[in-house]
């Protein structure tokens, strides 16, 4: 069954221009993972545009063939490299993984 992986980040930066640049850097890094990881069937990254005072700044939504594919993604060298950059920019992280119901 397909696993949906949803991660949100709140950036540590308070300056709007720097925050926007960092969000764009995170988005580009995550989007570079498309096609590199076996078992990943979809990957979307969004930067928040409404309510920056209360909403999270960046979100990743990715689908994996199964739990094993998600586990392989977590340790994939390309993913590990991107997360190294992200960790240096964020204040908070939230994650939810769930099975998608068959249509």
PDB file of N, CA and C in Angstrom:
ATOM      1  N   UNK A   1       0.837  -1.180   0.000  1.00  0.00           N
ATOM      2  CA  UNK A   1       0.000   0.000   0.000  1.00  0.00           C
ATOM      3  C   UNK A   1       0.885   1.248   0.000  1.00  0.00           C
ATOM      4  N   UNK A   2       0.480   2.272  -0.719  1.00  0.00           N
ATOM      5  CA  UNK A   2       1.244   3.510  -0.829  1.00  0.00           C
ATOM      6  C   UNK A   2       1.305   4.242   0.515  1.00  0.00           C
ATOM      7  N   UNK A   3       2.508   4.732   0.839  1.00  0.00           N
ATOM      8  CA  UNK A   3       2.724   5.520   2.043  1.00  0.00           C
ATOM      9  C   UNK A   3       2.932   6.971   1.638  1.00  0.00           C
ATOM     10  N   UNK A   4       2.169   7.860   2.247  1.00  0.00           N
ATOM     11  CA  UNK A   4       2.359   9.298   2.030  1.00  0.00           C
ATOM     12  C   UNK A   4       3.170   9.847   3.196  1.00  0.00           C
ATOM     13  N   UNK A   5       4.216  10.577   2.849  1.00  0.00           N
ATOM     14  CA  UNK A   5       5.160  11.161   3.805  1.00  0.00           C
ATOM     15  C   UNK A   5       4.990  12.680   3.723  1.00  0.00           C
ATOM     16  N   UNK A   6       4.552  13.297   4.827  1.00  0.00           N
ATOM     17  CA  UNK A   6       4.314  14.734   4.853  1.00  0.00           C
ATOM     18  C   UNK A   6       5.208  15.342   5.935  1.00  0.00           C
ATOM     19  N   UNK A   7       6.066  16.276   5.526  1.00  0.00           N
ATOM     20  CA  UNK A   7       6.980  16.928   6.465  1.00  0.00           C
ATOM     21  C   UNK A   7       6.825  18.433   6.303  1.00  0.00           C
ATOM     22  N   UNK A   8       6.723  19.136   7.432  1.00  0.00           N
ATOM     23  CA  UNK A   8       6.667  20.600   7.424  1.00  0.00           C
ATOM     24  C   UNK A   8       7.815  21.138   8.256  1.00  0.00           C
ATOM     25  N   UNK A   9       8.316  22.286   7.809  1.00  0.00           N
ATOM     26  CA  UNK A   9       9.406  22.941   8.526  1.00  0.00           C
ATOM     27  C   UNK A   9       9.057  24.390   8.808  1.00  0.00           C
ATOM     28  N   UNK A  10       9.464  24.835   9.982  1.00  0.00           N
ATOM     29  CA  UNK A  10       9.422  26.250  10.340  1.00  0.00           C
ATOM     30  C   UNK A  10      10.878  26.708  10.361  1.00  0.00           C
ATOM     31  N   UNK A  11      11.182  27.693   9.545  1.00  0.00           N
ATOM     32  CA  UNK A  11      12.558  28.163   9.438  1.00  0.00           C
ATOM     33  C   UNK A  11      12.932  29.027  10.642  1.00  0.00           C
ATOM     34  N   UNK A  12      14.212  29.003  10.984  1.00  0.00           N
ATOM     35  CA  UNK A  12      14.707  29.770  12.130  1.00  0.00           C
ATOM     36  C   UNK A  12      14.867  31.246  11.786  1.00  0.00           C
ATOM     37  N   UNK A  13      15.123  31.539  10.534  1.00  0.00           N
ATOM     38  CA  UNK A  13      15.367  32.917  10.085  1.00  0.00           C
ATOM     39  C   UNK A  13      14.118  33.784  10.260  1.00  0.00           C
ATOM     40  N   UNK A  14      14.304  35.037  10.690  1.00  0.00           N
ATOM     41  CA  UNK A  14      13.170  35.942  10.845  1.00  0.00           C
ATOM     42  C   UNK A  14      13.108  36.991   9.739  1.00  0.00           C
ATOM     43  N   UNK A  15      14.216  37.311   9.114  1.00  0.00           N
ATOM     44  CA  UNK A  15      14.220  38.292   8.034  1.00  0.00           C
ATOM     45  C   UNK A  15      13.479  37.709   6.823  1.00  0.00           C
ATOM     46  N   UNK A  16      12.424  38.378   6.348  1.00  0.00           N
ATOM     47  CA  UNK A  16      11.608  37.822   5.257  1.00  0.00           C
ATOM     48  C   UNK A  16      12.391  37.495   3.989  1.00  0.00           C
ATOM     49  N   UNK A  17      13.332  38.332   3.604  1.00  0.00           N
ATOM     50  CA  UNK A  17      14.099  38.082   2.378  1.00  0.00           C
ATOM     51  C   UNK A  17      15.005  36.860   2.539  1.00  0.00           C
ATOM     52  N   UNK A  18      15.675  36.755   3.670  1.00  0.00           N
ATOM     53  CA  UNK A  18      16.540  35.596   3.916  1.00  0.00           C
ATOM     54  C   UNK A  18      15.723  34.324   4.052  1.00  0.00           C
ATOM     55  N   UNK A  19      14.578  34.439   4.727  1.00  0.00           N
ATOM     56  CA  UNK A  19      13.694  33.278   4.889  1.00  0.00           C
ATOM     57  C   UNK A  19      13.219  32.778   3.526  1.00  0.00           C
ATOM     58  N   UNK A  20      12.854  33.691   2.648  1.00  0.00           N
ATOM     59  CA  UNK A  20      12.401  33.302   1.297  1.00  0.00           C
ATOM     60  C   UNK A  20      13.523  32.603   0.535  1.00  0.00           C
ATOM     61  N   UNK A  21      14.729  33.102   0.657  1.00  0.00           N
ATOM     62  CA  UNK A  21      15.872  32.476  -0.028  1.00  0.00           C
ATOM     63  C   UNK A  21      16.140  31.079   0.529  1.00  0.00           C
ATOM     64  N   UNK A  22      16.049  30.933   1.831  1.00  0.00           N
ATOM     65  CA  UNK A  22      16.272  29.624   2.449  1.00  0.00           C
ATOM     66  C   UNK A  22      15.171  28.647   2.074  1.00  0.00           C
ATOM     67  N   UNK A  23      13.935  29.107   2.037  1.00  0.00           N
ATOM     68  CA  UNK A  23      12.828  28.239   1.633  1.00  0.00           C
ATOM     69  C   UNK A  23      13.030  27.769   0.197  1.00  0.00           C
ATOM     70  N   UNK A  24      13.473  28.668  -0.670  1.00  0.00           N
ATOM     71  CA  UNK A  24      13.735  28.301  -2.068  1.00  0.00           C
ATOM     72  C   UNK A  24      14.873  27.290  -2.161  1.00  0.00           C
ATOM     73  N   UNK A  25      15.889  27.438  -1.317  1.00  0.00           N
ATOM     74  CA  UNK A  25      17.009  26.489  -1.290  1.00  0.00           C
ATOM     75  C   UNK A  25      16.538  25.098  -0.856  1.00  0.00           C
ATOM     76  N   UNK A  26      15.691  25.045   0.148  1.00  0.00           N
ATOM     77  CA  UNK A  26      15.145  23.769   0.617  1.00  0.00           C
ATOM     78  C   UNK A  26      14.308  23.128  -0.485  1.00  0.00           C
ATOM     79  N   UNK A  27      13.453  23.921  -1.109  1.00  0.00           N
ATOM     80  CA  UNK A  27      12.591  23.413  -2.183  1.00  0.00           C
ATOM     81  C   UNK A  27      13.435  22.833  -3.311  1.00  0.00           C
ATOM     82  N   UNK A  28      14.443  23.559  -3.743  1.00  0.00           N
ATOM     83  CA  UNK A  28      15.308  23.076  -4.839  1.00  0.00           C
ATOM     84  C   UNK A  28      16.032  21.795  -4.442  1.00  0.00           C
ATOM     85  N   UNK A  29      16.524  21.746  -3.215  1.00  0.00           N
ATOM     86  CA  UNK A  29      17.229  20.547  -2.757  1.00  0.00           C
ATOM     87  C   UNK A  29      16.335  19.326  -2.742  1.00  0.00           C
ATOM     88  N   UNK A  30      15.135  19.492  -2.203  1.00  0.00           N
ATOM     89  CA  UNK A  30      14.204  18.362  -2.143  1.00  0.00           C
ATOM     90  C   UNK A  30      13.737  17.947  -3.537  1.00  0.00           C
ATOM     91  N   UNK A  31      13.456  18.919  -4.389  1.00  0.00           N
ATOM     92  CA  UNK A  31      13.000  18.586  -5.741  1.00  0.00           C
ATOM     93  C   UNK A  31      14.087  17.890  -6.553  1.00  0.00           C
ATOM     94  N   UNK A  32      15.339  18.086  -6.188  1.00  0.00           N
ATOM     95  CA  UNK A  32      16.441  17.404  -6.882  1.00  0.00           C
ATOM     96  C   UNK A  32      16.427  15.900  -6.625  1.00  0.00           C
ATOM     97  N   UNK A  33      15.646  15.442  -5.643  1.00  0.00           N
ATOM     98  CA  UNK A  33      15.572  14.016  -5.322  1.00  0.00           C
ATOM     99  C   UNK A  33      14.669  13.235  -6.275  1.00  0.00           C
ATOM    100  N   UNK A  34      13.842  13.962  -7.043  1.00  0.00           N
ATOM    101  CA  UNK A  34      12.946  13.279  -7.999  1.00  0.00           C
ATOM    102  C   UNK A  34      13.753  12.405  -8.944  1.00  0.00           C
ATOM    103  N   UNK A  35      13.286  11.181  -9.105  1.00  0.00           N
ATOM    104  CA  UNK A  35      13.928  10.255 -10.024  1.00  0.00           C
ATOM    105  C   UNK A  35      15.185   9.594  -9.494  1.00  0.00           C
ATOM    106  N   UNK A  36      15.638   9.966  -8.319  1.00  0.00           N
ATOM    107  CA  UNK A  36      16.859   9.385  -7.750  1.00  0.00           C
ATOM    108  C   UNK A  36      16.588   8.233  -6.794  1.00  0.00           C
ATOM    109  N   UNK A  37      15.359   8.127  -6.300  1.00  0.00           N
ATOM    110  CA  UNK A  37      15.094   7.191  -5.216  1.00  0.00           C
ATOM    111  C   UNK A  37      14.046   6.174  -5.650  1.00  0.00           C
ATOM    112  N   UNK A  38      14.460   4.930  -5.678  1.00  0.00           N
ATOM    113  CA  UNK A  38      13.576   3.838  -6.067  1.00  0.00           C
ATOM    114  C   UNK A  38      12.409   3.744  -5.092  1.00  0.00           C
ATOM    115  N   UNK A  39      11.212   3.555  -5.631  1.00  0.00           N
ATOM    116  CA  UNK A  39      10.030   3.402  -4.786  1.00  0.00           C
ATOM    117  C   UNK A  39       9.309   4.707  -4.501  1.00  0.00           C
ATOM    118  N   UNK A  40       9.914   5.846  -4.858  1.00  0.00           N
ATOM    119  CA  UNK A  40       9.249   7.139  -4.695  1.00  0.00           C
ATOM    120  C   UNK A  40       8.408   7.385  -5.944  1.00  0.00           C
ATOM    121  N   UNK A  41       7.103   7.537  -5.776  1.00  0.00           N
ATOM    122  CA  UNK A  41       6.233   7.717  -6.936  1.00  0.00           C
ATOM    123  C   UNK A  41       5.789   9.163  -7.139  1.00  0.00           C
ATOM    124  N   UNK A  42       5.933  10.004  -6.133  1.00  0.00           N
ATOM    125  CA  UNK A  42       5.554  11.412  -6.258  1.00  0.00           C
ATOM    126  C   UNK A  42       6.300  12.224  -5.219  1.00  0.00           C
ATOM    127  N   UNK A  43       6.597  13.474  -5.568  1.00  0.00           N
ATOM    128  CA  UNK A  43       7.245  14.380  -4.635  1.00  0.00           C
ATOM    129  C   UNK A  43       6.817  15.802  -4.986  1.00  0.00           C
ATOM    130  N   UNK A  44       6.226  16.494  -4.025  1.00  0.00           N
ATOM    131  CA  UNK A  44       5.837  17.891  -4.188  1.00  0.00           C
ATOM    132  C   UNK A  44       6.369  18.676  -3.001  1.00  0.00           C
ATOM    133  N   UNK A  45       6.841  19.884  -3.275  1.00  0.00           N
ATOM    134  CA  UNK A  45       7.348  20.756  -2.219  1.00  0.00           C
ATOM    135  C   UNK A  45       6.665  22.104  -2.382  1.00  0.00           C
ATOM    136  N   UNK A  46       6.145  22.630  -1.278  1.00  0.00           N
ATOM    137  CA  UNK A  46       5.485  23.926  -1.319  1.00  0.00           C
ATOM    138  C   UNK A  46       6.072  24.878  -0.316  1.00  0.00           C
ATOM    139  N   UNK A  47       6.085  26.162  -0.712  1.00  0.00           N
ATOM    140  CA  UNK A  47       6.520  27.237   0.179  1.00  0.00           C
ATOM    141  C   UNK A  47       5.273  28.021   0.571  1.00  0.00           C
ATOM    142  N   UNK A  48       5.091  28.226   1.852  1.00  0.00           N
ATOM    143  CA  UNK A  48       3.912  28.926   2.346  1.00  0.00           C
ATOM    144  C   UNK A  48       3.835  30.346   1.792  1.00  0.00           C
ATOM    145  N   UNK A  49       2.646  30.745   1.383  1.00  0.00           N
ATOM    146  CA  UNK A  49       2.441  32.097   0.864  1.00  0.00           C
ATOM    147  C   UNK A  49       1.399  32.882   1.651  1.00  0.00           C
ATOM    148  N   UNK A  50       0.707  32.243   2.576  1.00  0.00           N
ATOM    149  CA  UNK A  50      -0.358  32.904   3.327  1.00  0.00           C
ATOM    150  C   UNK A  50      -0.109  32.711   4.826  1.00  0.00           C
ATOM    151  N   UNK A  51      -0.296  33.773   5.586  1.00  0.00           N
ATOM    152  CA  UNK A  51      -0.186  33.671   7.041  1.00  0.00           C
ATOM    153  C   UNK A  51       1.192  33.300   7.545  1.00  0.00           C
ATOM    154  N   UNK A  52       2.247  33.996   7.104  1.00  0.00           N
ATOM    155  CA  UNK A  52       3.597  33.600   7.524  1.00  0.00           C
ATOM    156  C   UNK A  52       3.848  33.712   9.026  1.00  0.00           C
ATOM    157  N   UNK A  53       3.021  34.470   9.718  1.00  0.00           N
ATOM    158  CA  UNK A  53       3.213  34.624  11.168  1.00  0.00           C
ATOM    159  C   UNK A  53       2.809  33.364  11.924  1.00  0.00           C
ATOM    160  N   UNK A  54       1.860  32.592  11.360  1.00  0.00           N
ATOM    161  CA  UNK A  54       1.339  31.438  12.085  1.00  0.00           C
ATOM    162  C   UNK A  54       1.544  30.110  11.362  1.00  0.00           C
ATOM    163  N   UNK A  55       1.670  30.136  10.048  1.00  0.00           N
ATOM    164  CA  UNK A  55       1.821  28.887   9.294  1.00  0.00           C
ATOM    165  C   UNK A  55       3.272  28.456   9.210  1.00  0.00           C
ATOM    166  N   UNK A  56       3.473  27.185   8.927  1.00  0.00           N
ATOM    167  CA  UNK A  56       4.805  26.655   8.715  1.00  0.00           C
ATOM    168  C   UNK A  56       5.312  27.154   7.367  1.00  0.00           C
ATOM    169  N   UNK A  57       6.621  27.107   7.154  1.00  0.00           N
ATOM    170  CA  UNK A  57       7.225  27.760   5.990  1.00  0.00           C
ATOM    171  C   UNK A  57       7.339  26.880   4.748  1.00  0.00           C
ATOM    172  N   UNK A  58       7.660  25.618   4.919  1.00  0.00           N
ATOM    173  CA  UNK A  58       7.892  24.719   3.776  1.00  0.00           C
ATOM    174  C   UNK A  58       7.249  23.378   4.083  1.00  0.00           C
ATOM    175  N   UNK A  59       6.678  22.741   3.055  1.00  0.00           N
ATOM    176  CA  UNK A  59       6.095  21.413   3.223  1.00  0.00           C
ATOM    177  C   UNK A  59       6.575  20.493   2.099  1.00  0.00           C
ATOM    178  N   UNK A  60       6.815  19.252   2.455  1.00  0.00           N
ATOM    179  CA  UNK A  60       7.135  18.180   1.507  1.00  0.00           C
ATOM    180  C   UNK A  60       6.003  17.163   1.580  1.00  0.00           C
ATOM    181  N   UNK A  61       5.498  16.754   0.424  1.00  0.00           N
ATOM    182  CA  UNK A  61       4.519  15.667   0.350  1.00  0.00           C
ATOM    183  C   UNK A  61       5.061  14.682  -0.678  1.00  0.00           C
ATOM    184  N   UNK A  62       5.359  13.471  -0.229  1.00  0.00           N
ATOM    185  CA  UNK A  62       5.941  12.466  -1.117  1.00  0.00           C
ATOM    186  C   UNK A  62       5.260  11.127  -0.895  1.00  0.00           C
ATOM    187  N   UNK A  63       5.132  10.368  -1.968  1.00  0.00           N
ATOM    188  CA  UNK A  63       4.500   9.049  -1.909  1.00  0.00           C
ATOM    189  C   UNK A  63       5.528   7.971  -2.216  1.00  0.00           C
ATOM    190  N   UNK A  64       5.414   6.858  -1.495  1.00  0.00           N
ATOM    191  CA  UNK A  64       6.332   5.725  -1.624  1.00  0.00           C
ATOM    192  C   UNK A  64       5.538   4.447  -1.803  1.00  0.00           C
ATOM    193  N   UNK A  65       6.104   3.521  -2.514  1.00  0.00           N
ATOM    194  CA  UNK A  65       5.428   2.258  -2.818  1.00  0.00           C
ATOM    195  C   UNK A  65       4.986   1.527  -1.553  1.00  0.00           C
ATOM    196  N   UNK A  66       5.809   1.609  -0.515  1.00  0.00           N
ATOM    197  CA  UNK A  66       5.525   0.911   0.736  1.00  0.00           C
ATOM    198  C   UNK A  66       6.450   1.441   1.827  1.00  0.00           C
ATOM    199  N   UNK A  67       6.325   0.881   3.007  1.00  0.00           N
ATOM    200  CA  UNK A  67       7.141   1.320   4.138  1.00  0.00           C
ATOM    201  C   UNK A  67       8.624   1.071   3.906  1.00  0.00           C
ATOM    202  N   UNK A  68       8.965  -0.006   3.214  1.00  0.00           N
ATOM    203  CA  UNK A  68      10.364  -0.301   2.921  1.00  0.00           C
ATOM    204  C   UNK A  68      10.961   0.760   1.996  1.00  0.00           C
ATOM    205  N   UNK A  69      10.183   1.244   1.030  1.00  0.00           N
ATOM    206  CA  UNK A  69      10.666   2.293   0.127  1.00  0.00           C
ATOM    207  C   UNK A  69      10.894   3.593   0.891  1.00  0.00           C
ATOM    208  N   UNK A  70      10.012   3.909   1.829  1.00  0.00           N
ATOM    209  CA  UNK A  70      10.200   5.097   2.664  1.00  0.00           C
ATOM    210  C   UNK A  70      11.465   4.954   3.515  1.00  0.00           C
ATOM    211  N   UNK A  71      11.683   3.781   4.075  1.00  0.00           N
ATOM    212  CA  UNK A  71      12.876   3.543   4.889  1.00  0.00           C
ATOM    213  C   UNK A  71      14.142   3.681   4.045  1.00  0.00           C
ATOM    214  N   UNK A  72      14.108   3.200   2.809  1.00  0.00           N
ATOM    215  CA  UNK A  72      15.262   3.318   1.915  1.00  0.00           C
ATOM    216  C   UNK A  72      15.537   4.784   1.573  1.00  0.00           C
ATOM    217  N   UNK A  73      14.486   5.562   1.390  1.00  0.00           N
ATOM    218  CA  UNK A  73      14.612   6.998   1.128  1.00  0.00           C
ATOM    219  C   UNK A  73      15.324   7.694   2.281  1.00  0.00           C
ATOM    220  N   UNK A  74      14.952   7.332   3.498  1.00  0.00           N
ATOM    221  CA  UNK A  74      15.514   7.999   4.680  1.00  0.00           C
ATOM    222  C   UNK A  74      17.035   7.909   4.742  1.00  0.00           C
ATOM    223  N   UNK A  75      17.609   6.809   4.255  1.00  0.00           N
ATOM    224  CA  UNK A  75      19.059   6.613   4.342  1.00  0.00           C
ATOM    225  C   UNK A  75      19.765   6.797   2.999  1.00  0.00           C
ATOM    226  N   UNK A  76      19.027   7.132   1.966  1.00  0.00           N
ATOM    227  CA  UNK A  76      19.624   7.334   0.646  1.00  0.00           C
ATOM    228  C   UNK A  76      20.606   8.514   0.727  1.00  0.00           C
ATOM    229  N   UNK A  77      21.811   8.372   0.171  1.00  0.00           N
ATOM    230  CA  UNK A  77      22.825   9.434   0.272  1.00  0.00           C
ATOM    231  C   UNK A  77      22.357  10.802  -0.230  1.00  0.00           C
ATOM    232  N   UNK A  78      21.567  10.843  -1.284  1.00  0.00           N
ATOM    233  CA  UNK A  78      21.078  12.127  -1.799  1.00  0.00           C
ATOM    234  C   UNK A  78      20.138  12.786  -0.792  1.00  0.00           C
ATOM    235  N   UNK A  79      19.290  11.983  -0.160  1.00  0.00           N
ATOM    236  CA  UNK A  79      18.385  12.514   0.859  1.00  0.00           C
ATOM    237  C   UNK A  79      19.164  12.983   2.080  1.00  0.00           C
ATOM    238  N   UNK A  80      20.125  12.202   2.514  1.00  0.00           N
ATOM    239  CA  UNK A  80      20.935  12.558   3.678  1.00  0.00           C
ATOM    240  C   UNK A  80      21.649  13.898   3.438  1.00  0.00           C
ATOM    241  N   UNK A  81      22.151  14.118   2.226  1.00  0.00           N
ATOM    242  CA  UNK A  81      22.825  15.375   1.903  1.00  0.00           C
ATOM    243  C   UNK A  81      21.866  16.557   1.996  1.00  0.00           C
ATOM    244  N   UNK A  82      20.667  16.403   1.476  1.00  0.00           N
ATOM    245  CA  UNK A  82      19.676  17.489   1.527  1.00  0.00           C
ATOM    246  C   UNK A  82      19.256  17.762   2.971  1.00  0.00           C
ATOM    247  N   UNK A  83      19.054  16.718   3.756  1.00  0.00           N
ATOM    248  CA  UNK A  83      18.633  16.943   5.141  1.00  0.00           C
ATOM    249  C   UNK A  83      19.721  17.640   5.948  1.00  0.00           C
ATOM    250  N   UNK A  84      20.977  17.436   5.582  1.00  0.00           N
ATOM    251  CA  UNK A  84      22.057  18.150   6.259  1.00  0.00           C
ATOM    252  C   UNK A  84      21.931  19.657   6.086  1.00  0.00           C
ATOM    253  N   UNK A  85      21.533  20.085   4.907  1.00  0.00           N
ATOM    254  CA  UNK A  85      21.311  21.506   4.644  1.00  0.00           C
ATOM    255  C   UNK A  85      20.083  21.991   5.405  1.00  0.00           C
ATOM    256  N   UNK A  86      19.001  21.233   5.329  1.00  0.00           N
ATOM    257  CA  UNK A  86      17.743  21.637   5.961  1.00  0.00           C
ATOM    258  C   UNK A  86      17.912  21.802   7.469  1.00  0.00           C
ATOM    259  N   UNK A  87      18.570  20.868   8.100  1.00  0.00           N
ATOM    260  CA  UNK A  87      18.720  20.917   9.569  1.00  0.00           C
ATOM    261  C   UNK A  87      19.373  22.211  10.035  1.00  0.00           C
ATOM    262  N   UNK A  88      20.256  22.761   9.215  1.00  0.00           N
ATOM    263  CA  UNK A  88      20.926  24.001   9.588  1.00  0.00           C
ATOM    264  C   UNK A  88      20.060  25.243   9.456  1.00  0.00           C
ATOM    265  N   UNK A  89      18.879  25.099   8.858  1.00  0.00           N
ATOM    266  CA  UNK A  89      18.025  26.256   8.581  1.00  0.00           C
ATOM    267  C   UNK A  89      16.726  26.279   9.375  1.00  0.00           C
ATOM    268  N   UNK A  90      16.356  25.164   9.984  1.00  0.00           N
ATOM    269  CA  UNK A  90      15.023  25.081  10.581  1.00  0.00           C
ATOM    270  C   UNK A  90      15.036  25.190  12.100  1.00  0.00           C
ATOM    271  N   UNK A  91      13.901  25.688  12.609  1.00  0.00           N
ATOM    272  CA  UNK A  91      13.692  25.756  14.052  1.00  0.00           C
ATOM    273  C   UNK A  91      12.852  24.589  14.529  1.00  0.00           C
ATOM    274  N   UNK A  92      11.895  24.163  13.660  1.00  0.00           N
ATOM    275  CA  UNK A  92      10.994  23.069  14.023  1.00  0.00           C
ATOM    276  C   UNK A  92      10.693  22.219  12.804  1.00  0.00           C
ATOM    277  N   UNK A  93      10.377  20.947  13.081  1.00  0.00           N
ATOM    278  CA  UNK A  93      10.014  19.985  12.035  1.00  0.00           C
ATOM    279  C   UNK A  93       8.821  19.178  12.517  1.00  0.00           C
ATOM    280  N   UNK A  94       7.913  18.909  11.602  1.00  0.00           N
ATOM    281  CA  UNK A  94       6.755  18.071  11.894  1.00  0.00           C
ATOM    282  C   UNK A  94       6.644  17.029  10.790  1.00  0.00           C
ATOM    283  N   UNK A  95       6.261  15.801  11.138  1.00  0.00           N
ATOM    284  CA  UNK A  95       6.167  14.740  10.140  1.00  0.00           C
ATOM    285  C   UNK A  95       4.975  13.834  10.436  1.00  0.00           C
ATOM    286  N   UNK A  96       4.291  13.432   9.358  1.00  0.00           N
ATOM    287  CA  UNK A  96       3.224  12.445   9.446  1.00  0.00           C
ATOM    288  C   UNK A  96       3.393  11.492   8.273  1.00  0.00           C
ATOM    289  N   UNK A  97       3.372  10.201   8.552  1.00  0.00           N
ATOM    290  CA  UNK A  97       3.410   9.150   7.516  1.00  0.00           C
ATOM    291  C   UNK A  97       2.137   8.335   7.641  1.00  0.00           C
ATOM    292  N   UNK A  98       1.439   8.134   6.524  1.00  0.00           N
ATOM    293  CA  UNK A  98       0.194   7.366   6.590  1.00  0.00           C
ATOM    294  C   UNK A  98      -0.044   6.605   5.290  1.00  0.00           C
ATOM    295  N   UNK A  99      -0.848   5.552   5.424  1.00  0.00           N
ATOM    296  CA  UNK A  99      -1.208   4.743   4.248  1.00  0.00           C
ATOM    297  C   UNK A  99      -2.329   5.429   3.501  1.00  0.00           C
ATOM    298  N   UNK A 100      -2.193   5.471   2.173  1.00  0.00           N
ATOM    299  CA  UNK A 100      -3.259   6.005   1.346  1.00  0.00           C
ATOM    300  C   UNK A 100      -4.291   4.911   1.098  1.00  0.00           C
ATOM    301  N   UNK A 101      -5.524   5.267   1.217  1.00  0.00           N
ATOM    302  CA  UNK A 101      -6.602   4.318   0.950  1.00  0.00           C
ATOM    303  C   UNK A 101      -6.674   4.066  -0.549  1.00  0.00           C
ATOM    304  N   UNK A 102      -6.958   2.852  -0.917  1.00  0.00           N
ATOM    305  CA  UNK A 102      -7.133   2.503  -2.334  1.00  0.00           C
ATOM    306  C   UNK A 102      -8.369   3.208  -2.856  1.00  0.00           C
ATOM    307  N   UNK A 103      -8.266   3.700  -4.068  1.00  0.00           N
ATOM    308  CA  UNK A 103      -9.414   4.391  -4.678  1.00  0.00           C
ATOM    309  C   UNK A 103     -10.347   3.437  -5.343  1.00  0.00           C
TER     310      UNK A 103
END
